[in-house]
């Protein structure tokens, strides 16, 4: 049986078909045929709403088996981690991966749509490893945001990737290696 991976796109016009599709192609290539990488189109990507994306995420996660892996890129990662903290899934996850996710809260970005989750790490599914990947040349979500997540989620496994941009230069080899460790 194939291992399930759910990849949540970032926000912005063209994110699904012009940007994050390259990340998913890289991930599929690196993981190979033993993985079912799902890549749903999130609603209204040009103007994402936490409430709408949270509902879409709940539906996508409900369709997964125990042991699935969740990956969120950019704003998709921010929405994913806050959704999981607010409403933990009713299934066991093998891992959660955030790629270049903006941090919301003190030191990070403000948001009128998403209220920062207090005690973020303590509210996430227990015994689920959390991986953080961020490029040093990210000109969208500041590199320092990975440090904020590291403090907010004690025990997270952090990968600071030198010379990599917001899209990790369209190369998810390190992410795929982390996924393979879990499966």
N, C-alpha and C. Protein backbone atom coordinates (compact mmCIF):
# COMPACT_ATOMS: atom_id res chain seq x y z
N UNK A 1 0.84 -1.19 0.00
CA UNK A 1 0.00 0.00 0.00
C UNK A 1 0.88 1.25 0.00
N UNK A 2 0.52 2.22 -0.81
CA UNK A 2 1.30 3.45 -0.90
C UNK A 2 1.13 4.30 0.35
N UNK A 3 2.20 4.98 0.74
CA UNK A 3 2.16 5.92 1.87
C UNK A 3 1.52 7.22 1.39
N UNK A 4 0.61 7.76 2.17
CA UNK A 4 -0.09 8.97 1.79
C UNK A 4 0.64 10.22 2.28
N UNK A 5 0.77 11.18 1.36
CA UNK A 5 1.36 12.48 1.66
C UNK A 5 0.39 13.53 1.14
N UNK A 6 0.00 14.45 2.00
CA UNK A 6 -0.88 15.55 1.61
C UNK A 6 -0.04 16.82 1.57
N UNK A 7 0.05 17.45 0.39
CA UNK A 7 0.83 18.68 0.22
C UNK A 7 -0.15 19.84 0.09
N UNK A 8 -0.03 20.82 1.00
CA UNK A 8 -0.88 22.01 0.99
C UNK A 8 -0.11 23.17 0.39
N UNK A 9 -0.64 23.71 -0.67
CA UNK A 9 -0.02 24.80 -1.40
C UNK A 9 0.05 26.08 -0.58
N UNK A 10 0.85 27.01 -1.05
CA UNK A 10 0.89 28.35 -0.50
C UNK A 10 -0.21 29.20 -1.10
N UNK A 11 -0.33 30.43 -0.62
CA UNK A 11 -1.35 31.34 -1.12
C UNK A 11 -0.77 32.30 -2.15
N UNK A 12 -1.65 32.92 -2.89
CA UNK A 12 -1.25 33.90 -3.90
C UNK A 12 -1.67 33.46 -5.29
N UNK A 13 -1.86 34.43 -6.16
CA UNK A 13 -2.26 34.14 -7.53
C UNK A 13 -1.26 33.22 -8.21
N UNK A 14 -1.77 32.13 -8.76
CA UNK A 14 -0.92 31.18 -9.48
C UNK A 14 -0.13 30.22 -8.62
N UNK A 15 -0.31 30.24 -7.32
CA UNK A 15 0.51 29.41 -6.43
C UNK A 15 0.39 27.93 -6.78
N UNK A 16 -0.80 27.45 -7.06
CA UNK A 16 -1.00 26.01 -7.31
C UNK A 16 -0.36 25.58 -8.63
N UNK A 17 -0.63 26.31 -9.71
CA UNK A 17 -0.22 25.86 -11.04
C UNK A 17 1.09 26.43 -11.55
N UNK A 18 1.58 27.51 -10.94
CA UNK A 18 2.78 28.15 -11.45
C UNK A 18 3.98 28.07 -10.51
N UNK A 19 3.73 27.77 -9.23
CA UNK A 19 4.82 27.78 -8.26
C UNK A 19 4.95 26.45 -7.52
N UNK A 20 3.94 26.13 -6.73
CA UNK A 20 4.05 24.96 -5.86
C UNK A 20 3.95 23.64 -6.61
N UNK A 21 3.42 23.65 -7.83
CA UNK A 21 3.41 22.43 -8.63
C UNK A 21 4.84 21.94 -8.87
N UNK A 22 5.79 22.84 -8.94
CA UNK A 22 7.20 22.44 -9.12
C UNK A 22 7.73 21.75 -7.86
N UNK A 23 7.29 22.21 -6.70
CA UNK A 23 7.67 21.56 -5.45
C UNK A 23 7.09 20.15 -5.39
N UNK A 24 5.83 20.02 -5.78
CA UNK A 24 5.18 18.71 -5.76
C UNK A 24 5.83 17.78 -6.77
N UNK A 25 6.19 18.29 -7.95
CA UNK A 25 6.89 17.47 -8.94
C UNK A 25 8.21 16.96 -8.37
N UNK A 26 8.95 17.83 -7.70
CA UNK A 26 10.22 17.44 -7.09
C UNK A 26 10.00 16.39 -6.01
N UNK A 27 8.99 16.59 -5.18
CA UNK A 27 8.69 15.65 -4.10
C UNK A 27 8.31 14.28 -4.67
N UNK A 28 7.44 14.27 -5.67
CA UNK A 28 7.04 13.00 -6.30
C UNK A 28 8.23 12.28 -6.91
N UNK A 29 9.08 13.04 -7.57
CA UNK A 29 10.27 12.45 -8.19
C UNK A 29 11.18 11.84 -7.12
N UNK A 30 11.42 12.58 -6.06
CA UNK A 30 12.32 12.12 -5.00
C UNK A 30 11.75 10.93 -4.22
N UNK A 31 10.44 10.91 -4.01
CA UNK A 31 9.84 9.84 -3.22
C UNK A 31 9.61 8.57 -4.03
N UNK A 32 9.29 8.72 -5.29
CA UNK A 32 9.08 7.55 -6.13
C UNK A 32 7.67 6.99 -6.04
N UNK A 33 7.47 5.82 -6.64
CA UNK A 33 6.12 5.27 -6.83
C UNK A 33 5.46 4.68 -5.59
N UNK A 34 6.17 4.56 -4.49
CA UNK A 34 5.56 3.99 -3.29
C UNK A 34 4.81 5.01 -2.44
N UNK A 35 4.68 6.23 -2.95
CA UNK A 35 4.01 7.30 -2.22
C UNK A 35 2.88 7.89 -3.07
N UNK A 36 1.77 8.16 -2.42
CA UNK A 36 0.63 8.81 -3.04
C UNK A 36 0.64 10.26 -2.57
N UNK A 37 1.21 11.15 -3.40
CA UNK A 37 1.31 12.56 -3.03
C UNK A 37 0.06 13.27 -3.56
N UNK A 38 -0.78 13.70 -2.63
CA UNK A 38 -2.01 14.40 -2.98
C UNK A 38 -1.75 15.90 -2.95
N UNK A 39 -2.30 16.59 -3.94
CA UNK A 39 -2.05 18.02 -4.10
C UNK A 39 -3.35 18.73 -4.46
N UNK A 40 -4.22 18.93 -3.47
CA UNK A 40 -5.50 19.57 -3.77
C UNK A 40 -5.34 21.07 -4.04
N UNK A 41 -6.22 21.58 -4.85
CA UNK A 41 -6.27 23.03 -5.09
C UNK A 41 -7.05 23.64 -3.93
N UNK A 42 -6.41 24.57 -3.24
CA UNK A 42 -7.09 25.23 -2.12
C UNK A 42 -7.98 26.36 -2.67
N UNK A 43 -9.09 26.63 -1.97
CA UNK A 43 -10.05 27.62 -2.47
C UNK A 43 -9.49 29.05 -2.45
N UNK A 44 -9.81 29.76 -3.53
CA UNK A 44 -9.47 31.19 -3.65
C UNK A 44 -8.02 31.47 -3.23
N UNK A 45 -7.08 30.84 -3.91
CA UNK A 45 -5.66 30.98 -3.56
C UNK A 45 -5.17 32.42 -3.61
N UNK A 46 -5.77 33.25 -4.46
CA UNK A 46 -5.32 34.64 -4.58
C UNK A 46 -5.63 35.45 -3.33
N UNK A 47 -6.64 35.06 -2.60
CA UNK A 47 -7.04 35.77 -1.38
C UNK A 47 -7.47 34.74 -0.34
N UNK A 48 -6.50 33.97 0.21
CA UNK A 48 -6.85 32.87 1.10
C UNK A 48 -7.50 33.34 2.40
N UNK A 49 -8.46 32.55 2.84
CA UNK A 49 -9.16 32.80 4.09
C UNK A 49 -8.88 31.62 5.03
N UNK A 50 -8.49 31.92 6.25
CA UNK A 50 -8.20 30.86 7.23
C UNK A 50 -9.42 29.96 7.42
N UNK A 51 -10.58 30.54 7.59
CA UNK A 51 -11.79 29.77 7.85
C UNK A 51 -12.09 28.82 6.68
N UNK A 52 -11.97 29.32 5.46
CA UNK A 52 -12.28 28.52 4.27
C UNK A 52 -11.22 27.44 4.07
N UNK A 53 -9.94 27.79 4.21
CA UNK A 53 -8.87 26.80 4.04
C UNK A 53 -8.91 25.76 5.16
N UNK A 54 -9.25 26.20 6.37
CA UNK A 54 -9.35 25.26 7.50
C UNK A 54 -10.42 24.20 7.21
N UNK A 55 -11.54 24.61 6.66
CA UNK A 55 -12.61 23.66 6.31
C UNK A 55 -12.14 22.72 5.20
N UNK A 56 -11.45 23.26 4.22
CA UNK A 56 -10.93 22.42 3.13
C UNK A 56 -9.90 21.43 3.65
N UNK A 57 -9.04 21.88 4.57
CA UNK A 57 -8.04 21.00 5.18
C UNK A 57 -8.71 19.88 5.96
N UNK A 58 -9.73 20.20 6.73
CA UNK A 58 -10.44 19.18 7.52
C UNK A 58 -10.99 18.11 6.59
N UNK A 59 -11.54 18.50 5.47
CA UNK A 59 -12.09 17.54 4.50
C UNK A 59 -10.97 16.67 3.91
N UNK A 60 -9.86 17.29 3.55
CA UNK A 60 -8.74 16.54 2.97
C UNK A 60 -8.15 15.55 3.98
N UNK A 61 -7.95 16.01 5.21
CA UNK A 61 -7.37 15.16 6.26
C UNK A 61 -8.31 14.01 6.59
N UNK A 62 -9.62 14.26 6.56
CA UNK A 62 -10.60 13.21 6.85
C UNK A 62 -10.51 12.07 5.83
N UNK A 63 -10.03 12.36 4.63
CA UNK A 63 -9.90 11.35 3.59
C UNK A 63 -8.59 10.58 3.63
N UNK A 64 -7.77 10.83 4.63
CA UNK A 64 -6.47 10.16 4.74
C UNK A 64 -6.56 8.98 5.71
N UNK A 65 -5.64 8.06 5.56
CA UNK A 65 -5.51 6.93 6.48
C UNK A 65 -4.62 7.34 7.67
N UNK A 66 -4.68 6.55 8.74
CA UNK A 66 -3.71 6.73 9.82
C UNK A 66 -2.31 6.58 9.23
N UNK A 67 -1.39 7.38 9.76
CA UNK A 67 0.00 7.31 9.31
C UNK A 67 0.32 8.21 8.13
N UNK A 68 -0.61 9.06 7.71
CA UNK A 68 -0.35 9.98 6.61
C UNK A 68 0.63 11.07 7.06
N UNK A 69 1.23 11.70 6.07
CA UNK A 69 2.18 12.79 6.31
C UNK A 69 1.58 14.06 5.73
N UNK A 70 1.64 15.16 6.49
CA UNK A 70 1.12 16.45 6.04
C UNK A 70 2.27 17.40 5.79
N UNK A 71 2.23 18.06 4.64
CA UNK A 71 3.27 19.03 4.27
C UNK A 71 2.57 20.32 3.86
N UNK A 72 3.00 21.44 4.43
CA UNK A 72 2.44 22.73 4.05
C UNK A 72 3.54 23.68 3.64
N UNK A 73 3.34 24.35 2.51
CA UNK A 73 4.31 25.33 2.03
C UNK A 73 3.79 26.75 2.24
N UNK A 74 4.66 27.60 2.73
CA UNK A 74 4.38 29.03 2.88
C UNK A 74 3.11 29.24 3.70
N UNK A 75 2.17 30.03 3.20
CA UNK A 75 0.95 30.30 3.95
C UNK A 75 0.16 29.01 4.18
N UNK A 76 0.28 28.05 3.27
CA UNK A 76 -0.36 26.76 3.47
C UNK A 76 0.17 26.06 4.71
N UNK A 77 1.46 26.21 4.99
CA UNK A 77 2.06 25.65 6.20
C UNK A 77 1.58 26.38 7.44
N UNK A 78 1.48 27.69 7.35
CA UNK A 78 1.00 28.49 8.48
C UNK A 78 -0.44 28.11 8.83
N UNK A 79 -1.28 28.00 7.81
CA UNK A 79 -2.67 27.62 8.04
C UNK A 79 -2.74 26.19 8.56
N UNK A 80 -1.94 25.30 7.99
CA UNK A 80 -1.94 23.89 8.42
C UNK A 80 -1.60 23.76 9.90
N UNK A 81 -0.51 24.37 10.34
CA UNK A 81 -0.06 24.18 11.72
C UNK A 81 -1.04 24.80 12.71
N UNK A 82 -1.62 25.94 12.35
CA UNK A 82 -2.60 26.57 13.23
C UNK A 82 -3.91 25.79 13.26
N UNK A 83 -4.30 25.22 12.14
CA UNK A 83 -5.49 24.37 12.09
C UNK A 83 -5.30 23.14 12.98
N UNK A 84 -4.14 22.49 12.87
CA UNK A 84 -3.87 21.30 13.68
C UNK A 84 -3.84 21.62 15.17
N UNK A 85 -3.35 22.79 15.52
CA UNK A 85 -3.30 23.19 16.93
C UNK A 85 -4.70 23.51 17.46
N UNK A 86 -5.52 24.09 16.60
CA UNK A 86 -6.87 24.48 17.01
C UNK A 86 -7.83 23.29 17.04
N UNK A 87 -7.69 22.41 16.05
CA UNK A 87 -8.57 21.26 15.93
C UNK A 87 -7.74 20.03 15.55
N UNK A 88 -7.21 19.33 16.53
CA UNK A 88 -6.36 18.16 16.22
C UNK A 88 -7.14 17.12 15.41
N UNK A 89 -6.47 16.48 14.45
CA UNK A 89 -7.15 15.48 13.62
C UNK A 89 -7.52 14.25 14.44
N UNK A 90 -8.52 13.53 13.94
CA UNK A 90 -8.95 12.33 14.65
C UNK A 90 -8.25 11.08 14.11
N UNK A 91 -7.07 11.26 13.57
CA UNK A 91 -6.25 10.15 13.11
C UNK A 91 -4.80 10.40 13.46
N UNK A 92 -4.05 9.30 13.50
CA UNK A 92 -2.62 9.40 13.81
C UNK A 92 -1.88 9.86 12.56
N UNK A 93 -1.02 10.84 12.74
CA UNK A 93 -0.18 11.34 11.65
C UNK A 93 1.24 10.82 11.83
N UNK A 94 1.91 10.51 10.72
CA UNK A 94 3.30 10.07 10.81
C UNK A 94 4.24 11.26 10.96
N UNK A 95 3.85 12.42 10.42
CA UNK A 95 4.69 13.61 10.52
C UNK A 95 4.03 14.83 9.92
N UNK A 96 4.52 15.98 10.36
CA UNK A 96 4.06 17.28 9.86
C UNK A 96 5.30 18.03 9.40
N UNK A 97 5.25 18.56 8.18
CA UNK A 97 6.38 19.27 7.59
C UNK A 97 5.92 20.67 7.20
N UNK A 98 6.66 21.68 7.65
CA UNK A 98 6.41 23.06 7.25
C UNK A 98 7.58 23.53 6.40
N UNK A 99 7.28 24.08 5.25
CA UNK A 99 8.30 24.59 4.34
C UNK A 99 8.10 26.09 4.18
N UNK A 100 9.07 26.88 4.59
CA UNK A 100 9.05 28.34 4.42
C UNK A 100 7.76 28.96 4.93
N UNK A 101 7.30 28.50 6.07
CA UNK A 101 6.02 28.98 6.62
C UNK A 101 6.23 30.27 7.41
N UNK A 102 5.47 31.31 7.09
CA UNK A 102 5.52 32.52 7.90
C UNK A 102 4.98 32.24 9.30
N UNK A 103 5.63 32.80 10.30
CA UNK A 103 5.20 32.66 11.69
C UNK A 103 4.27 33.81 12.03
N UNK A 104 3.16 33.49 12.69
CA UNK A 104 2.23 34.53 13.14
C UNK A 104 2.36 34.69 14.64
N UNK A 105 2.45 35.92 15.06
CA UNK A 105 2.57 36.20 16.49
C UNK A 105 3.76 37.08 16.77
N UNK A 106 4.13 37.22 18.05
CA UNK A 106 5.22 38.11 18.42
C UNK A 106 6.51 37.80 17.65
N UNK A 107 7.03 38.83 16.98
CA UNK A 107 8.24 38.69 16.19
C UNK A 107 7.99 38.27 14.77
N UNK A 108 6.78 37.76 14.49
CA UNK A 108 6.42 37.30 13.15
C UNK A 108 5.48 38.26 12.47
N UNK A 109 4.68 37.73 11.60
CA UNK A 109 3.72 38.54 10.86
C UNK A 109 2.43 38.74 11.64
N UNK A 110 1.83 39.91 11.50
CA UNK A 110 0.50 40.10 12.08
C UNK A 110 -0.54 39.47 11.15
N UNK A 111 -1.69 39.15 11.68
CA UNK A 111 -2.78 38.62 10.86
C UNK A 111 -4.11 39.00 11.48
N UNK A 112 -5.00 39.50 10.64
CA UNK A 112 -6.36 39.78 11.11
C UNK A 112 -7.22 38.53 10.94
N UNK A 113 -6.75 37.60 10.11
CA UNK A 113 -7.52 36.40 9.76
C UNK A 113 -7.23 35.22 10.69
N UNK A 114 -5.98 35.09 11.09
CA UNK A 114 -5.57 33.96 11.92
C UNK A 114 -5.08 34.50 13.26
N UNK A 115 -5.71 34.06 14.32
CA UNK A 115 -5.27 34.46 15.65
C UNK A 115 -4.11 33.54 16.05
N UNK A 116 -2.95 34.08 16.40
CA UNK A 116 -1.83 33.22 16.80
C UNK A 116 -2.23 32.28 17.94
N UNK A 117 -1.78 31.05 17.83
CA UNK A 117 -2.11 30.03 18.82
C UNK A 117 -1.12 30.09 19.97
N UNK A 118 -1.61 30.35 21.18
CA UNK A 118 -0.76 30.33 22.36
C UNK A 118 -0.36 28.89 22.64
N UNK A 119 0.85 28.70 23.13
CA UNK A 119 1.34 27.34 23.42
C UNK A 119 1.21 26.42 22.21
N UNK A 120 1.64 26.90 21.06
CA UNK A 120 1.47 26.18 19.80
C UNK A 120 1.95 24.73 19.90
N UNK A 121 3.18 24.53 20.34
CA UNK A 121 3.75 23.19 20.40
C UNK A 121 2.95 22.24 21.26
N UNK A 122 2.46 22.71 22.39
CA UNK A 122 1.70 21.86 23.31
C UNK A 122 0.33 21.49 22.76
N UNK A 123 -0.16 22.25 21.81
CA UNK A 123 -1.50 22.00 21.27
C UNK A 123 -1.48 21.10 20.03
N UNK A 124 -0.30 20.79 19.53
CA UNK A 124 -0.19 19.95 18.34
C UNK A 124 -0.30 18.48 18.71
N UNK A 125 -0.63 17.62 17.73
CA UNK A 125 -0.75 16.19 18.03
C UNK A 125 0.51 15.65 18.70
N UNK A 126 0.33 15.05 19.86
CA UNK A 126 1.46 14.53 20.63
C UNK A 126 2.09 13.35 19.89
N UNK A 127 3.37 13.18 20.08
CA UNK A 127 4.14 12.09 19.49
C UNK A 127 4.18 12.14 17.97
N UNK A 128 3.85 13.28 17.38
CA UNK A 128 3.95 13.45 15.93
C UNK A 128 5.16 14.32 15.65
N UNK A 129 6.16 13.78 14.95
CA UNK A 129 7.33 14.60 14.66
C UNK A 129 6.99 15.77 13.73
N UNK A 130 7.60 16.90 14.02
CA UNK A 130 7.37 18.11 13.23
C UNK A 130 8.72 18.56 12.67
N UNK A 131 8.73 18.78 11.36
CA UNK A 131 9.93 19.17 10.64
C UNK A 131 9.74 20.56 10.07
N UNK A 132 10.75 21.40 10.21
CA UNK A 132 10.72 22.76 9.70
C UNK A 132 11.84 22.93 8.69
N UNK A 133 11.53 23.44 7.51
CA UNK A 133 12.51 23.70 6.45
C UNK A 133 12.38 25.15 6.03
N UNK A 134 13.52 25.85 5.98
CA UNK A 134 13.48 27.26 5.59
C UNK A 134 14.79 27.63 4.91
N UNK A 135 14.69 28.34 3.80
CA UNK A 135 15.87 28.77 3.06
C UNK A 135 16.40 30.10 3.54
N UNK A 136 17.72 30.22 3.56
CA UNK A 136 18.35 31.46 4.04
C UNK A 136 18.13 32.64 3.10
N UNK A 137 17.79 32.36 1.85
CA UNK A 137 17.59 33.43 0.87
C UNK A 137 16.11 33.67 0.58
N UNK A 138 15.25 33.30 1.51
CA UNK A 138 13.81 33.47 1.36
C UNK A 138 13.49 34.96 1.44
N UNK A 139 12.93 35.50 0.35
CA UNK A 139 12.58 36.92 0.35
C UNK A 139 11.07 37.14 0.56
N UNK A 140 10.37 36.07 0.91
CA UNK A 140 8.94 36.17 1.19
C UNK A 140 8.69 36.04 2.70
N UNK A 141 9.08 34.92 3.27
CA UNK A 141 8.97 34.70 4.71
C UNK A 141 10.37 34.79 5.30
N UNK A 142 10.64 35.78 6.13
CA UNK A 142 12.00 35.97 6.64
C UNK A 142 12.58 34.70 7.28
N UNK A 143 13.87 34.51 7.07
CA UNK A 143 14.60 33.36 7.59
C UNK A 143 14.43 33.24 9.11
N UNK A 144 14.31 34.36 9.80
CA UNK A 144 14.17 34.35 11.26
C UNK A 144 12.87 33.68 11.72
N UNK A 145 11.91 33.51 10.82
CA UNK A 145 10.64 32.87 11.20
C UNK A 145 10.85 31.42 11.61
N UNK A 146 11.84 30.75 11.05
CA UNK A 146 12.08 29.36 11.45
C UNK A 146 12.55 29.32 12.90
N UNK A 147 13.28 30.34 13.34
CA UNK A 147 13.70 30.42 14.75
C UNK A 147 12.48 30.60 15.66
N UNK A 148 11.51 31.40 15.22
CA UNK A 148 10.29 31.61 16.00
C UNK A 148 9.50 30.31 16.13
N UNK A 149 9.40 29.57 15.05
CA UNK A 149 8.73 28.26 15.10
C UNK A 149 9.48 27.29 16.00
N UNK A 150 10.80 27.32 15.92
CA UNK A 150 11.61 26.41 16.74
C UNK A 150 11.35 26.65 18.23
N UNK A 151 11.20 27.93 18.62
CA UNK A 151 10.90 28.25 20.02
C UNK A 151 9.47 27.87 20.38
N UNK A 152 8.55 28.03 19.43
CA UNK A 152 7.14 27.76 19.69
C UNK A 152 6.81 26.27 19.69
N UNK A 153 7.65 25.48 19.01
CA UNK A 153 7.41 24.04 18.91
C UNK A 153 8.66 23.31 19.38
N UNK A 154 8.86 23.22 20.70
CA UNK A 154 10.04 22.53 21.22
C UNK A 154 10.09 21.09 20.69
N UNK A 155 11.27 20.68 20.31
CA UNK A 155 11.44 19.33 19.78
C UNK A 155 11.30 19.24 18.27
N UNK A 156 10.89 20.32 17.61
CA UNK A 156 10.79 20.29 16.15
C UNK A 156 12.18 20.06 15.55
N UNK A 157 12.22 19.37 14.45
CA UNK A 157 13.48 19.09 13.76
C UNK A 157 13.63 20.17 12.70
N UNK A 158 14.67 21.01 12.84
CA UNK A 158 14.82 22.21 12.03
C UNK A 158 15.92 22.02 10.99
N UNK A 159 15.58 22.41 9.77
CA UNK A 159 16.54 22.38 8.66
C UNK A 159 16.65 23.79 8.09
N UNK A 160 17.78 24.43 8.36
CA UNK A 160 18.06 25.76 7.80
C UNK A 160 18.90 25.53 6.55
N UNK A 161 18.33 25.84 5.41
CA UNK A 161 18.97 25.51 4.14
C UNK A 161 19.64 26.74 3.54
N UNK A 162 20.93 26.75 3.58
CA UNK A 162 21.73 27.88 3.07
C UNK A 162 21.57 28.02 1.55
N UNK A 163 21.41 29.28 1.13
CA UNK A 163 21.35 29.58 -0.29
C UNK A 163 20.04 29.21 -0.96
N UNK A 164 19.04 28.83 -0.20
CA UNK A 164 17.77 28.40 -0.79
C UNK A 164 16.73 29.50 -0.63
N UNK A 165 15.86 29.61 -1.63
CA UNK A 165 14.84 30.67 -1.63
C UNK A 165 13.51 30.18 -1.05
N UNK A 166 12.48 30.96 -1.21
CA UNK A 166 11.17 30.63 -0.65
C UNK A 166 10.63 29.31 -1.20
N UNK A 167 10.99 29.00 -2.42
CA UNK A 167 10.56 27.75 -3.05
C UNK A 167 11.61 26.65 -2.87
N UNK A 168 12.58 26.89 -1.99
CA UNK A 168 13.71 25.96 -1.78
C UNK A 168 14.36 25.58 -3.11
N UNK A 169 14.39 26.55 -4.02
CA UNK A 169 14.97 26.37 -5.35
C UNK A 169 14.30 25.21 -6.10
N UNK A 170 13.02 24.99 -5.81
CA UNK A 170 12.22 23.92 -6.42
C UNK A 170 12.83 22.54 -6.23
N UNK A 171 13.49 22.34 -5.11
CA UNK A 171 14.16 21.07 -4.82
C UNK A 171 13.78 20.61 -3.42
N UNK A 172 12.98 19.55 -3.36
CA UNK A 172 12.54 19.04 -2.07
C UNK A 172 13.24 17.73 -1.69
N UNK A 173 14.48 17.57 -2.12
CA UNK A 173 15.25 16.36 -1.79
C UNK A 173 15.36 16.18 -0.28
N UNK A 174 15.64 17.25 0.47
CA UNK A 174 15.77 17.14 1.92
C UNK A 174 14.44 16.79 2.58
N UNK A 175 13.36 17.34 2.06
CA UNK A 175 12.02 17.05 2.60
C UNK A 175 11.70 15.57 2.34
N UNK A 176 11.97 15.11 1.13
CA UNK A 176 11.70 13.72 0.78
C UNK A 176 12.51 12.78 1.68
N UNK A 177 13.75 13.15 1.98
CA UNK A 177 14.57 12.32 2.86
C UNK A 177 13.93 12.24 4.25
N UNK A 178 13.37 13.34 4.73
CA UNK A 178 12.68 13.34 6.02
C UNK A 178 11.42 12.48 5.98
N UNK A 179 10.70 12.53 4.89
CA UNK A 179 9.49 11.71 4.74
C UNK A 179 9.87 10.22 4.75
N UNK A 180 10.91 9.87 4.03
CA UNK A 180 11.33 8.46 3.95
C UNK A 180 11.75 7.93 5.32
N UNK A 181 12.32 8.78 6.18
CA UNK A 181 12.71 8.34 7.52
C UNK A 181 11.49 7.88 8.32
N UNK A 182 10.35 8.49 8.07
CA UNK A 182 9.13 8.19 8.82
C UNK A 182 8.35 6.99 8.30
N UNK A 183 8.67 6.56 7.09
CA UNK A 183 7.85 5.49 6.48
C UNK A 183 8.63 4.23 6.21
